């Protein structure tokens, strides 16, 4: 290799002075159009950093002379959509929830809006498809089984105030006591009886012994036949639908160490319109009940 530069006789281009195996490297200049394009991008980059948000800072970024903001664009678009739906939103806030389905346009608007509200705020627990999570305490919202009632009014109340939370004085509250003081044989018999209520496999002799234990300790809340009580959130134990699992072992665990979920209140965060919208969406998933339906039903908790 040599550092002596010279003009290549074939191309008339200066060499770099580098040579490998007798092959000399040409110092071919970049095309003028490419250079001018490169210089233009530099100028554009400088102008962009002056006009638009660009340089990161400790708690944000430089705003730019134009004050442009993608967040501002999104907020403006949301405001535009809200304004275009202002009449429907106002109607939704004031409508009697029990008669919402009578207004086809308003009901359709509520369901579509509620779908978005559910995806953003509820799907993390209940699942994207609202099927819940068995044994984890997240209810399935696709069936017609409700702890606190499945009418529009019932669902809206639950959404507004939540369940067993400390943030809302009007939250729905129910509490199952621990029966860990029962002996192992008594717990086993009670579990067999509970499974017998919904026709699940069980030991008949043990279930008969568990019937007396159930009548003495459990019927006050769940009823003599295990149909539950929605007024106090006591689950229906005779429908083979379970929040914490319906296996023999899962029932014994619930008797010994009751697990009870917490649902936050959504009124303050969502506002009345979105509460009603997500209520309409959940009600329409397949398990909603008409206002006149007073049948006792509930999910095993």
C-alpha atoms as a PDB file:
ATOM      1  CA  UNK A   1       0.000   0.000   0.000  1.00  0.00           C
ATOM      2  CA  UNK A   2       1.223   3.551  -0.767  1.00  0.00           C
ATOM      3  CA  UNK A   3       0.150   7.046   0.307  1.00  0.00           C
ATOM      4  CA  UNK A   4       1.212   8.690  -2.987  1.00  0.00           C
ATOM      5  CA  UNK A   5      -1.812  10.106  -4.775  1.00  0.00           C
ATOM      6  CA  UNK A   6      -1.960  10.414  -8.532  1.00  0.00           C
ATOM      7  CA  UNK A   7      -4.369  10.691 -11.418  1.00  0.00           C
ATOM      8  CA  UNK A   8      -5.716   7.450 -12.799  1.00  0.00           C
ATOM      9  CA  UNK A   9      -4.982   7.535 -16.558  1.00  0.00           C
ATOM     10  CA  UNK A  10      -8.075   5.567 -17.493  1.00  0.00           C
ATOM     11  CA  UNK A  11     -10.727   7.590 -15.639  1.00  0.00           C
ATOM     12  CA  UNK A  12      -8.877  10.821 -15.062  1.00  0.00           C
ATOM     13  CA  UNK A  13      -9.865  10.639 -11.383  1.00  0.00           C
ATOM     14  CA  UNK A  14      -7.495  11.247  -8.519  1.00  0.00           C
ATOM     15  CA  UNK A  15      -6.643   8.183  -6.459  1.00  0.00           C
ATOM     16  CA  UNK A  16      -6.682   8.029  -2.659  1.00  0.00           C
ATOM     17  CA  UNK A  17      -3.131   6.736  -2.587  1.00  0.00           C
ATOM     18  CA  UNK A  18      -4.294   3.342  -1.363  1.00  0.00           C
ATOM     19  CA  UNK A  19      -3.448   0.233  -3.330  1.00  0.00           C
ATOM     20  CA  UNK A  20      -4.267  -3.441  -2.726  1.00  0.00           C
ATOM     21  CA  UNK A  21      -2.737  -6.132  -4.868  1.00  0.00           C
ATOM     22  CA  UNK A  22      -1.956  -3.573  -7.528  1.00  0.00           C
ATOM     23  CA  UNK A  23      -5.500  -2.210  -7.557  1.00  0.00           C
ATOM     24  CA  UNK A  24      -5.667   1.511  -6.767  1.00  0.00           C
ATOM     25  CA  UNK A  25      -8.634   3.127  -4.989  1.00  0.00           C
ATOM     26  CA  UNK A  26     -10.223   6.023  -6.837  1.00  0.00           C
ATOM     27  CA  UNK A  27     -11.293   9.131  -4.958  1.00  0.00           C
ATOM     28  CA  UNK A  28     -14.543   9.496  -6.893  1.00  0.00           C
ATOM     29  CA  UNK A  29     -16.530  12.564  -5.768  1.00  0.00           C
ATOM     30  CA  UNK A  30     -20.176  12.222  -4.781  1.00  0.00           C
ATOM     31  CA  UNK A  31     -22.761  13.314  -7.362  1.00  0.00           C
ATOM     32  CA  UNK A  32     -23.740  16.963  -7.026  1.00  0.00           C
ATOM     33  CA  UNK A  33     -27.448  16.127  -6.743  1.00  0.00           C
ATOM     34  CA  UNK A  34     -26.722  13.775  -3.821  1.00  0.00           C
ATOM     35  CA  UNK A  35     -24.636  16.403  -2.030  1.00  0.00           C
ATOM     36  CA  UNK A  36     -27.297  19.088  -2.417  1.00  0.00           C
ATOM     37  CA  UNK A  37     -29.966  16.646  -1.166  1.00  0.00           C
ATOM     38  CA  UNK A  38     -27.779  15.838   1.846  1.00  0.00           C
ATOM     39  CA  UNK A  39     -27.246  19.538   2.613  1.00  0.00           C
ATOM     40  CA  UNK A  40     -31.011  20.129   2.269  1.00  0.00           C
ATOM     41  CA  UNK A  41     -31.785  17.437   4.841  1.00  0.00           C
ATOM     42  CA  UNK A  42     -29.394  19.133   7.265  1.00  0.00           C
ATOM     43  CA  UNK A  43     -31.131  22.466   6.758  1.00  0.00           C
ATOM     44  CA  UNK A  44     -34.544  20.802   7.115  1.00  0.00           C
ATOM     45  CA  UNK A  45     -33.438  19.098  10.345  1.00  0.00           C
ATOM     46  CA  UNK A  46     -32.343  22.400  11.855  1.00  0.00           C
ATOM     47  CA  UNK A  47     -35.587  24.112  10.841  1.00  0.00           C
ATOM     48  CA  UNK A  48     -37.653  21.187  12.221  1.00  0.00           C
ATOM     49  CA  UNK A  49     -35.984  21.315  15.626  1.00  0.00           C
ATOM     50  CA  UNK A  50     -36.785  25.028  15.799  1.00  0.00           C
ATOM     51  CA  UNK A  51     -40.434  24.783  14.726  1.00  0.00           C
ATOM     52  CA  UNK A  52     -41.534  21.464  16.287  1.00  0.00           C
ATOM     53  CA  UNK A  53     -41.018  19.599  19.581  1.00  0.00           C
ATOM     54  CA  UNK A  54     -37.615  17.950  19.275  1.00  0.00           C
ATOM     55  CA  UNK A  55     -35.093  18.132  22.091  1.00  0.00           C
ATOM     56  CA  UNK A  56     -35.863  15.985  25.154  1.00  0.00           C
ATOM     57  CA  UNK A  57     -35.660  17.699  28.515  1.00  0.00           C
ATOM     58  CA  UNK A  58     -35.926  16.430  32.086  1.00  0.00           C
ATOM     59  CA  UNK A  59     -39.720  16.657  32.278  1.00  0.00           C
ATOM     60  CA  UNK A  60     -40.724  17.078  28.662  1.00  0.00           C
ATOM     61  CA  UNK A  61     -39.292  18.413  25.427  1.00  0.00           C
ATOM     62  CA  UNK A  62     -38.776  21.702  23.638  1.00  0.00           C
ATOM     63  CA  UNK A  63     -42.177  22.931  22.459  1.00  0.00           C
ATOM     64  CA  UNK A  64     -41.100  24.451  19.146  1.00  0.00           C
ATOM     65  CA  UNK A  65     -42.133  27.839  17.778  1.00  0.00           C
ATOM     66  CA  UNK A  66     -45.327  26.435  16.232  1.00  0.00           C
ATOM     67  CA  UNK A  67     -46.491  24.877  19.507  1.00  0.00           C
ATOM     68  CA  UNK A  68     -47.517  21.696  17.691  1.00  0.00           C
ATOM     69  CA  UNK A  69     -48.631  18.727  19.810  1.00  0.00           C
ATOM     70  CA  UNK A  70     -49.893  15.305  18.788  1.00  0.00           C
ATOM     71  CA  UNK A  71     -51.634  15.107  22.157  1.00  0.00           C
ATOM     72  CA  UNK A  72     -53.317  18.383  21.319  1.00  0.00           C
ATOM     73  CA  UNK A  73     -54.476  16.964  17.992  1.00  0.00           C
ATOM     74  CA  UNK A  74     -55.965  13.920  19.715  1.00  0.00           C
ATOM     75  CA  UNK A  75     -57.665  16.112  22.326  1.00  0.00           C
ATOM     76  CA  UNK A  76     -59.093  18.324  19.588  1.00  0.00           C
ATOM     77  CA  UNK A  77     -60.399  15.296  17.695  1.00  0.00           C
ATOM     78  CA  UNK A  78     -61.990  13.882  20.844  1.00  0.00           C
ATOM     79  CA  UNK A  79     -63.594  17.250  21.538  1.00  0.00           C
ATOM     80  CA  UNK A  80     -64.908  17.360  17.966  1.00  0.00           C
ATOM     81  CA  UNK A  81     -66.464  13.897  18.265  1.00  0.00           C
ATOM     82  CA  UNK A  82     -67.914  14.736  21.690  1.00  0.00           C
ATOM     83  CA  UNK A  83     -69.477  17.864  20.261  1.00  0.00           C
ATOM     84  CA  UNK A  84     -71.000  15.975  17.350  1.00  0.00           C
ATOM     85  CA  UNK A  85     -72.497  13.460  19.809  1.00  0.00           C
ATOM     86  CA  UNK A  86     -73.502  16.026  22.417  1.00  0.00           C
ATOM     87  CA  UNK A  87     -77.241  15.562  21.867  1.00  0.00           C
ATOM     88  CA  UNK A  88     -77.041  11.774  22.120  1.00  0.00           C
ATOM     89  CA  UNK A  89     -74.813  11.980  25.179  1.00  0.00           C
ATOM     90  CA  UNK A  90     -77.244  14.335  26.902  1.00  0.00           C
ATOM     91  CA  UNK A  91     -80.140  12.037  26.056  1.00  0.00           C
ATOM     92  CA  UNK A  92     -78.220   9.047  27.410  1.00  0.00           C
ATOM     93  CA  UNK A  93     -77.593  10.818  30.717  1.00  0.00           C
ATOM     94  CA  UNK A  94     -81.276  11.612  31.155  1.00  0.00           C
ATOM     95  CA  UNK A  95     -82.947   8.491  29.771  1.00  0.00           C
ATOM     96  CA  UNK A  96     -84.579   5.928  32.031  1.00  0.00           C
ATOM     97  CA  UNK A  97     -82.157   2.996  31.790  1.00  0.00           C
ATOM     98  CA  UNK A  98     -84.966   0.488  31.876  1.00  0.00           C
ATOM     99  CA  UNK A  99     -86.408   1.986  28.686  1.00  0.00           C
ATOM    100  CA  UNK A 100     -83.138   2.592  26.841  1.00  0.00           C
ATOM    101  CA  UNK A 101     -83.757  -0.237  24.380  1.00  0.00           C
ATOM    102  CA  UNK A 102     -86.975   1.462  23.273  1.00  0.00           C
ATOM    103  CA  UNK A 103     -84.871   4.183  21.627  1.00  0.00           C
ATOM    104  CA  UNK A 104     -83.040   2.252  18.910  1.00  0.00           C
ATOM    105  CA  UNK A 105     -80.671   5.053  17.877  1.00  0.00           C
ATOM    106  CA  UNK A 106     -79.746   5.972  21.441  1.00  0.00           C
ATOM    107  CA  UNK A 107     -79.306   2.331  22.444  1.00  0.00           C
ATOM    108  CA  UNK A 108     -77.031   1.682  19.462  1.00  0.00           C
ATOM    109  CA  UNK A 109     -74.962   4.751  20.342  1.00  0.00           C
ATOM    110  CA  UNK A 110     -74.687   3.636  23.979  1.00  0.00           C
ATOM    111  CA  UNK A 111     -73.585   0.102  23.090  1.00  0.00           C
ATOM    112  CA  UNK A 112     -70.902   1.292  20.669  1.00  0.00           C
ATOM    113  CA  UNK A 113     -69.588   3.841  23.149  1.00  0.00           C
ATOM    114  CA  UNK A 114     -69.738   1.271  25.934  1.00  0.00           C
ATOM    115  CA  UNK A 115     -67.663  -1.158  23.892  1.00  0.00           C
ATOM    116  CA  UNK A 116     -64.789   1.329  23.880  1.00  0.00           C
ATOM    117  CA  UNK A 117     -65.221   2.125  27.574  1.00  0.00           C
ATOM    118  CA  UNK A 118     -65.149  -1.590  28.411  1.00  0.00           C
ATOM    119  CA  UNK A 119     -62.031  -2.244  26.327  1.00  0.00           C
ATOM    120  CA  UNK A 120     -60.159   0.623  27.985  1.00  0.00           C
ATOM    121  CA  UNK A 121     -61.253   0.104  31.593  1.00  0.00           C
ATOM    122  CA  UNK A 122     -62.847  -3.302  32.207  1.00  0.00           C
ATOM    123  CA  UNK A 123     -61.187  -5.847  29.936  1.00  0.00           C
ATOM    124  CA  UNK A 124     -58.067  -6.024  32.105  1.00  0.00           C
ATOM    125  CA  UNK A 125     -60.052  -8.006  34.694  1.00  0.00           C
ATOM    126  CA  UNK A 126     -63.056  -9.388  32.848  1.00  0.00           C
ATOM    127  CA  UNK A 127     -61.144 -10.209  29.660  1.00  0.00           C
ATOM    128  CA  UNK A 128     -61.403  -8.715  26.184  1.00  0.00           C
ATOM    129  CA  UNK A 129     -64.379 -10.950  25.477  1.00  0.00           C
ATOM    130  CA  UNK A 130     -65.902 -10.407  28.946  1.00  0.00           C
ATOM    131  CA  UNK A 131     -65.650 -14.109  29.745  1.00  0.00           C
ATOM    132  CA  UNK A 132     -64.017 -13.462  33.118  1.00  0.00           C
ATOM    133  CA  UNK A 133     -61.390 -15.660  34.754  1.00  0.00           C
ATOM    134  CA  UNK A 134     -62.657 -18.732  36.596  1.00  0.00           C
ATOM    135  CA  UNK A 135     -61.026 -19.329  39.992  1.00  0.00           C
ATOM    136  CA  UNK A 136     -59.582 -15.802  40.031  1.00  0.00           C
ATOM    137  CA  UNK A 137     -62.781 -14.037  41.007  1.00  0.00           C
ATOM    138  CA  UNK A 138     -63.391 -12.092  37.793  1.00  0.00           C
ATOM    139  CA  UNK A 139     -67.018 -12.763  36.818  1.00  0.00           C
ATOM    140  CA  UNK A 140     -68.156 -13.976  33.430  1.00  0.00           C
ATOM    141  CA  UNK A 141     -70.381 -11.235  32.016  1.00  0.00           C
ATOM    142  CA  UNK A 142     -71.656 -13.318  29.100  1.00  0.00           C
ATOM    143  CA  UNK A 143     -74.126 -15.469  31.039  1.00  0.00           C
ATOM    144  CA  UNK A 144     -77.359 -14.643  32.851  1.00  0.00           C
ATOM    145  CA  UNK A 145     -75.893 -15.244  36.283  1.00  0.00           C
ATOM    146  CA  UNK A 146     -75.605 -12.207  38.557  1.00  0.00           C
ATOM    147  CA  UNK A 147     -74.609 -11.717  42.162  1.00  0.00           C
ATOM    148  CA  UNK A 148     -76.303  -8.345  42.504  1.00  0.00           C
ATOM    149  CA  UNK A 149     -78.836  -8.433  39.676  1.00  0.00           C
ATOM    150  CA  UNK A 150     -78.601  -8.106  35.903  1.00  0.00           C
ATOM    151  CA  UNK A 151     -81.023  -5.322  35.048  1.00  0.00           C
ATOM    152  CA  UNK A 152     -79.758  -2.063  33.562  1.00  0.00           C
ATOM    153  CA  UNK A 153     -80.245  -0.344  36.925  1.00  0.00           C
ATOM    154  CA  UNK A 154     -78.460  -3.110  38.831  1.00  0.00           C
ATOM    155  CA  UNK A 155     -75.466  -3.118  36.510  1.00  0.00           C
ATOM    156  CA  UNK A 156     -75.230   0.674  36.476  1.00  0.00           C
ATOM    157  CA  UNK A 157     -75.193   0.780  40.280  1.00  0.00           C
ATOM    158  CA  UNK A 158     -72.399  -1.784  40.402  1.00  0.00           C
ATOM    159  CA  UNK A 159     -70.364   0.131  37.830  1.00  0.00           C
ATOM    160  CA  UNK A 160     -70.866   3.444  39.647  1.00  0.00           C
ATOM    161  CA  UNK A 161     -69.998   2.300  43.141  1.00  0.00           C
ATOM    162  CA  UNK A 162     -68.043  -0.941  42.739  1.00  0.00           C
ATOM    163  CA  UNK A 163     -67.832  -3.817  45.185  1.00  0.00           C
ATOM    164  CA  UNK A 164     -66.039  -4.021  48.548  1.00  0.00           C
ATOM    165  CA  UNK A 165     -63.831  -1.016  47.889  1.00  0.00           C
ATOM    166  CA  UNK A 166     -62.848   1.646  50.394  1.00  0.00           C
ATOM    167  CA  UNK A 167     -63.335   4.572  48.008  1.00  0.00           C
ATOM    168  CA  UNK A 168     -67.123   4.659  47.813  1.00  0.00           C
ATOM    169  CA  UNK A 169     -69.403   4.576  50.833  1.00  0.00           C
ATOM    170  CA  UNK A 170     -72.190   3.160  48.640  1.00  0.00           C
ATOM    171  CA  UNK A 171     -70.157   0.261  47.283  1.00  0.00           C
ATOM    172  CA  UNK A 172     -71.880  -3.100  47.315  1.00  0.00           C
ATOM    173  CA  UNK A 173     -70.605  -5.130  50.267  1.00  0.00           C
ATOM    174  CA  UNK A 174     -70.947  -8.793  51.150  1.00  0.00           C
ATOM    175  CA  UNK A 175     -68.691 -10.911  53.282  1.00  0.00           C
ATOM    176  CA  UNK A 176     -68.497 -14.634  53.721  1.00  0.00           C
ATOM    177  CA  UNK A 177     -67.209 -15.714  57.147  1.00  0.00           C
ATOM    178  CA  UNK A 178     -64.524 -18.317  57.531  1.00  0.00           C
ATOM    179  CA  UNK A 179     -65.643 -21.776  58.574  1.00  0.00           C
ATOM    180  CA  UNK A 180     -62.169 -22.971  59.437  1.00  0.00           C
ATOM    181  CA  UNK A 181     -63.510 -23.912  62.859  1.00  0.00           C
ATOM    182  CA  UNK A 182     -65.361 -26.823  61.284  1.00  0.00           C
ATOM    183  CA  UNK A 183     -63.595 -30.143  61.377  1.00  0.00           C
ATOM    184  CA  UNK A 184     -62.141 -31.748  58.260  1.00  0.00           C
ATOM    185  CA  UNK A 185     -65.012 -34.261  58.067  1.00  0.00           C
ATOM    186  CA  UNK A 186     -67.602 -31.495  58.383  1.00  0.00           C
ATOM    187  CA  UNK A 187     -65.956 -29.407  55.665  1.00  0.00           C
ATOM    188  CA  UNK A 188     -65.792 -32.465  53.422  1.00  0.00           C
ATOM    189  CA  UNK A 189     -69.482 -33.222  53.989  1.00  0.00           C
ATOM    190  CA  UNK A 190     -70.516 -29.620  53.345  1.00  0.00           C
ATOM    191  CA  UNK A 191     -68.557 -29.548  50.080  1.00  0.00           C
ATOM    192  CA  UNK A 192     -70.313 -32.739  48.939  1.00  0.00           C
ATOM    193  CA  UNK A 193     -73.703 -31.197  49.757  1.00  0.00           C
ATOM    194  CA  UNK A 194     -72.897 -27.968  47.904  1.00  0.00           C
ATOM    195  CA  UNK A 195     -71.876 -29.935  44.822  1.00  0.00           C
ATOM    196  CA  UNK A 196     -75.079 -31.939  45.063  1.00  0.00           C
ATOM    197  CA  UNK A 197     -77.129 -28.739  44.803  1.00  0.00           C
ATOM    198  CA  UNK A 198     -76.110 -28.299  41.165  1.00  0.00           C
ATOM    199  CA  UNK A 199     -76.023 -31.997  40.266  1.00  0.00           C
ATOM    200  CA  UNK A 200     -72.246 -32.353  40.294  1.00  0.00           C
ATOM    201  CA  UNK A 201     -70.563 -35.631  41.233  1.00  0.00           C
ATOM    202  CA  UNK A 202     -70.645 -36.150  44.998  1.00  0.00           C
ATOM    203  CA  UNK A 203     -70.807 -38.731  47.765  1.00  0.00           C
ATOM    204  CA  UNK A 204     -74.472 -39.130  48.654  1.00  0.00           C
ATOM    205  CA  UNK A 205     -73.918 -40.227  52.261  1.00  0.00           C
ATOM    206  CA  UNK A 206     -71.524 -37.350  52.895  1.00  0.00           C
ATOM    207  CA  UNK A 207     -73.931 -34.923  51.214  1.00  0.00           C
ATOM    208  CA  UNK A 208     -76.744 -35.990  53.559  1.00  0.00           C
ATOM    209  CA  UNK A 209     -74.524 -35.271  56.539  1.00  0.00           C
ATOM    210  CA  UNK A 210     -73.515 -31.947  54.983  1.00  0.00           C
ATOM    211  CA  UNK A 211     -77.155 -30.921  54.536  1.00  0.00           C
ATOM    212  CA  UNK A 212     -77.563 -30.352  58.278  1.00  0.00           C
ATOM    213  CA  UNK A 213     -74.307 -28.412  58.482  1.00  0.00           C
ATOM    214  CA  UNK A 214     -75.398 -26.271  55.544  1.00  0.00           C
ATOM    215  CA  UNK A 215     -78.836 -25.617  57.043  1.00  0.00           C
ATOM    216  CA  UNK A 216     -77.268 -24.511  60.323  1.00  0.00           C
ATOM    217  CA  UNK A 217     -74.432 -22.366  58.995  1.00  0.00           C
ATOM    218  CA  UNK A 218     -75.037 -21.405  55.354  1.00  0.00           C
ATOM    219  CA  UNK A 219     -78.756 -21.236  54.624  1.00  0.00           C
ATOM    220  CA  UNK A 220     -79.201 -17.863  56.322  1.00  0.00           C
ATOM    221  CA  UNK A 221     -77.428 -16.246  53.353  1.00  0.00           C
ATOM    222  CA  UNK A 222     -77.628 -18.798  50.541  1.00  0.00           C
ATOM    223  CA  UNK A 223     -81.156 -19.997  51.279  1.00  0.00           C
ATOM    224  CA  UNK A 224     -82.319 -23.464  52.221  1.00  0.00           C
ATOM    225  CA  UNK A 225     -81.988 -24.699  48.642  1.00  0.00           C
ATOM    226  CA  UNK A 226     -78.818 -22.705  47.892  1.00  0.00           C
ATOM    227  CA  UNK A 227     -80.409 -20.264  45.446  1.00  0.00           C
ATOM    228  CA  UNK A 228     -78.672 -17.287  47.040  1.00  0.00           C
ATOM    229  CA  UNK A 229     -79.890 -13.793  47.810  1.00  0.00           C
ATOM    230  CA  UNK A 230     -79.116 -10.854  45.528  1.00  0.00           C
ATOM    231  CA  UNK A 231     -80.005  -8.326  48.182  1.00  0.00           C
ATOM    232  CA  UNK A 232     -76.869  -9.268  50.079  1.00  0.00           C
ATOM    233  CA  UNK A 233     -74.797 -10.599  47.185  1.00  0.00           C
ATOM    234  CA  UNK A 234     -75.027 -14.218  48.337  1.00  0.00           C
ATOM    235  CA  UNK A 235     -74.280 -16.496  45.340  1.00  0.00           C
ATOM    236  CA  UNK A 236     -76.569 -19.091  43.871  1.00  0.00           C
ATOM    237  CA  UNK A 237     -74.942 -22.425  44.637  1.00  0.00           C
ATOM    238  CA  UNK A 238     -77.365 -24.517  42.591  1.00  0.00           C
ATOM    239  CA  UNK A 239     -76.467 -23.434  39.054  1.00  0.00           C
ATOM    240  CA  UNK A 240     -72.979 -24.974  38.596  1.00  0.00           C
ATOM    241  CA  UNK A 241     -71.515 -21.545  37.812  1.00  0.00           C
ATOM    242  CA  UNK A 242     -68.539 -20.616  39.943  1.00  0.00           C
ATOM    243  CA  UNK A 243     -66.275 -17.648  40.468  1.00  0.00           C
ATOM    244  CA  UNK A 244     -63.660 -19.516  42.485  1.00  0.00           C
ATOM    245  CA  UNK A 245     -64.062 -22.972  41.025  1.00  0.00           C
ATOM    246  CA  UNK A 246     -66.546 -25.740  41.781  1.00  0.00           C
ATOM    247  CA  UNK A 247     -64.232 -28.641  42.468  1.00  0.00           C
ATOM    248  CA  UNK A 248     -64.481 -30.391  45.815  1.00  0.00           C
ATOM    249  CA  UNK A 249     -61.124 -28.945  46.858  1.00  0.00           C
ATOM    250  CA  UNK A 250     -61.995 -25.405  45.704  1.00  0.00           C
ATOM    251  CA  UNK A 251     -65.224 -25.421  47.742  1.00  0.00           C
ATOM    252  CA  UNK A 252     -63.404 -26.557  50.862  1.00  0.00           C
ATOM    253  CA  UNK A 253     -60.803 -23.835  50.347  1.00  0.00           C
ATOM    254  CA  UNK A 254     -63.552 -21.228  50.027  1.00  0.00           C
ATOM    255  CA  UNK A 255     -65.162 -22.477  53.235  1.00  0.00           C
ATOM    256  CA  UNK A 256     -61.897 -22.309  55.163  1.00  0.00           C
ATOM    257  CA  UNK A 257     -60.375 -19.136  53.647  1.00  0.00           C
ATOM    258  CA  UNK A 258     -63.042 -17.163  51.785  1.00  0.00           C
ATOM    259  CA  UNK A 259     -61.734 -15.126  48.866  1.00  0.00           C
ATOM    260  CA  UNK A 260     -63.730 -12.033  47.965  1.00  0.00           C
ATOM    261  CA  UNK A 261     -62.881  -9.711  45.104  1.00  0.00           C
ATOM    262  CA  UNK A 262     -62.816  -5.917  44.973  1.00  0.00           C
ATOM    263  CA  UNK A 263     -64.192  -3.798  42.149  1.00  0.00           C
ATOM    264  CA  UNK A 264     -63.316  -0.083  42.070  1.00  0.00           C
ATOM    265  CA  UNK A 265     -65.993   2.587  41.683  1.00  0.00           C
ATOM    266  CA  UNK A 266     -66.079   4.095  38.193  1.00  0.00           C
ATOM    267  CA  UNK A 267     -68.471   7.030  38.592  1.00  0.00           C
ATOM    268  CA  UNK A 268     -65.810   9.679  39.245  1.00  0.00           C
ATOM    269  CA  UNK A 269     -63.436   8.424  36.583  1.00  0.00           C
ATOM    270  CA  UNK A 270     -65.900   7.734  33.771  1.00  0.00           C
ATOM    271  CA  UNK A 271     -68.741  10.156  34.332  1.00  0.00           C
ATOM    272  CA  UNK A 272     -72.433   9.335  34.109  1.00  0.00           C
ATOM    273  CA  UNK A 273     -72.601   9.072  30.308  1.00  0.00           C
ATOM    274  CA  UNK A 274     -69.833   6.467  30.098  1.00  0.00           C
ATOM    275  CA  UNK A 275     -71.223   4.571  33.096  1.00  0.00           C
ATOM    276  CA  UNK A 276     -74.535   4.246  31.288  1.00  0.00           C
ATOM    277  CA  UNK A 277     -72.815   3.391  28.002  1.00  0.00           C
ATOM    278  CA  UNK A 278     -70.775   0.528  29.457  1.00  0.00           C
ATOM    279  CA  UNK A 279     -73.877  -0.633  31.326  1.00  0.00           C
ATOM    280  CA  UNK A 280     -75.750  -0.912  28.026  1.00  0.00           C
ATOM    281  CA  UNK A 281     -72.825  -2.787  26.478  1.00  0.00           C
ATOM    282  CA  UNK A 282     -72.499  -5.283  29.345  1.00  0.00           C
ATOM    283  CA  UNK A 283     -76.259  -5.744  29.516  1.00  0.00           C
ATOM    284  CA  UNK A 284     -76.304  -6.644  25.832  1.00  0.00           C
ATOM    285  CA  UNK A 285     -73.492  -9.196  25.989  1.00  0.00           C
ATOM    286  CA  UNK A 286     -76.002 -11.972  26.530  1.00  0.00           C
ATOM    287  CA  UNK A 287     -76.832 -12.043  30.197  1.00  0.00           C
ATOM    288  CA  UNK A 288     -78.808  -8.865  30.758  1.00  0.00           C
ATOM    289  CA  UNK A 289     -82.209  -9.033  32.378  1.00  0.00           C
ATOM    290  CA  UNK A 290     -85.365  -7.010  31.905  1.00  0.00           C
ATOM    291  CA  UNK A 291     -86.319  -4.632  34.694  1.00  0.00           C
ATOM    292  CA  UNK A 292     -89.349  -6.681  35.652  1.00  0.00           C
ATOM    293  CA  UNK A 293     -87.303  -9.863  36.149  1.00  0.00           C
ATOM    294  CA  UNK A 294     -86.977 -10.446  39.887  1.00  0.00           C
ATOM    295  CA  UNK A 295     -85.741 -14.038  39.761  1.00  0.00           C
ATOM    296  CA  UNK A 296     -83.076 -14.854  42.291  1.00  0.00           C
ATOM    297  CA  UNK A 297     -79.839 -15.829  40.639  1.00  0.00           C
ATOM    298  CA  UNK A 298     -76.139 -15.281  41.160  1.00  0.00           C
ATOM    299  CA  UNK A 299     -72.601 -16.423  40.508  1.00  0.00           C
ATOM    300  CA  UNK A 300     -70.931 -18.564  43.115  1.00  0.00           C
ATOM    301  CA  UNK A 301     -68.301 -16.474  44.864  1.00  0.00           C
END
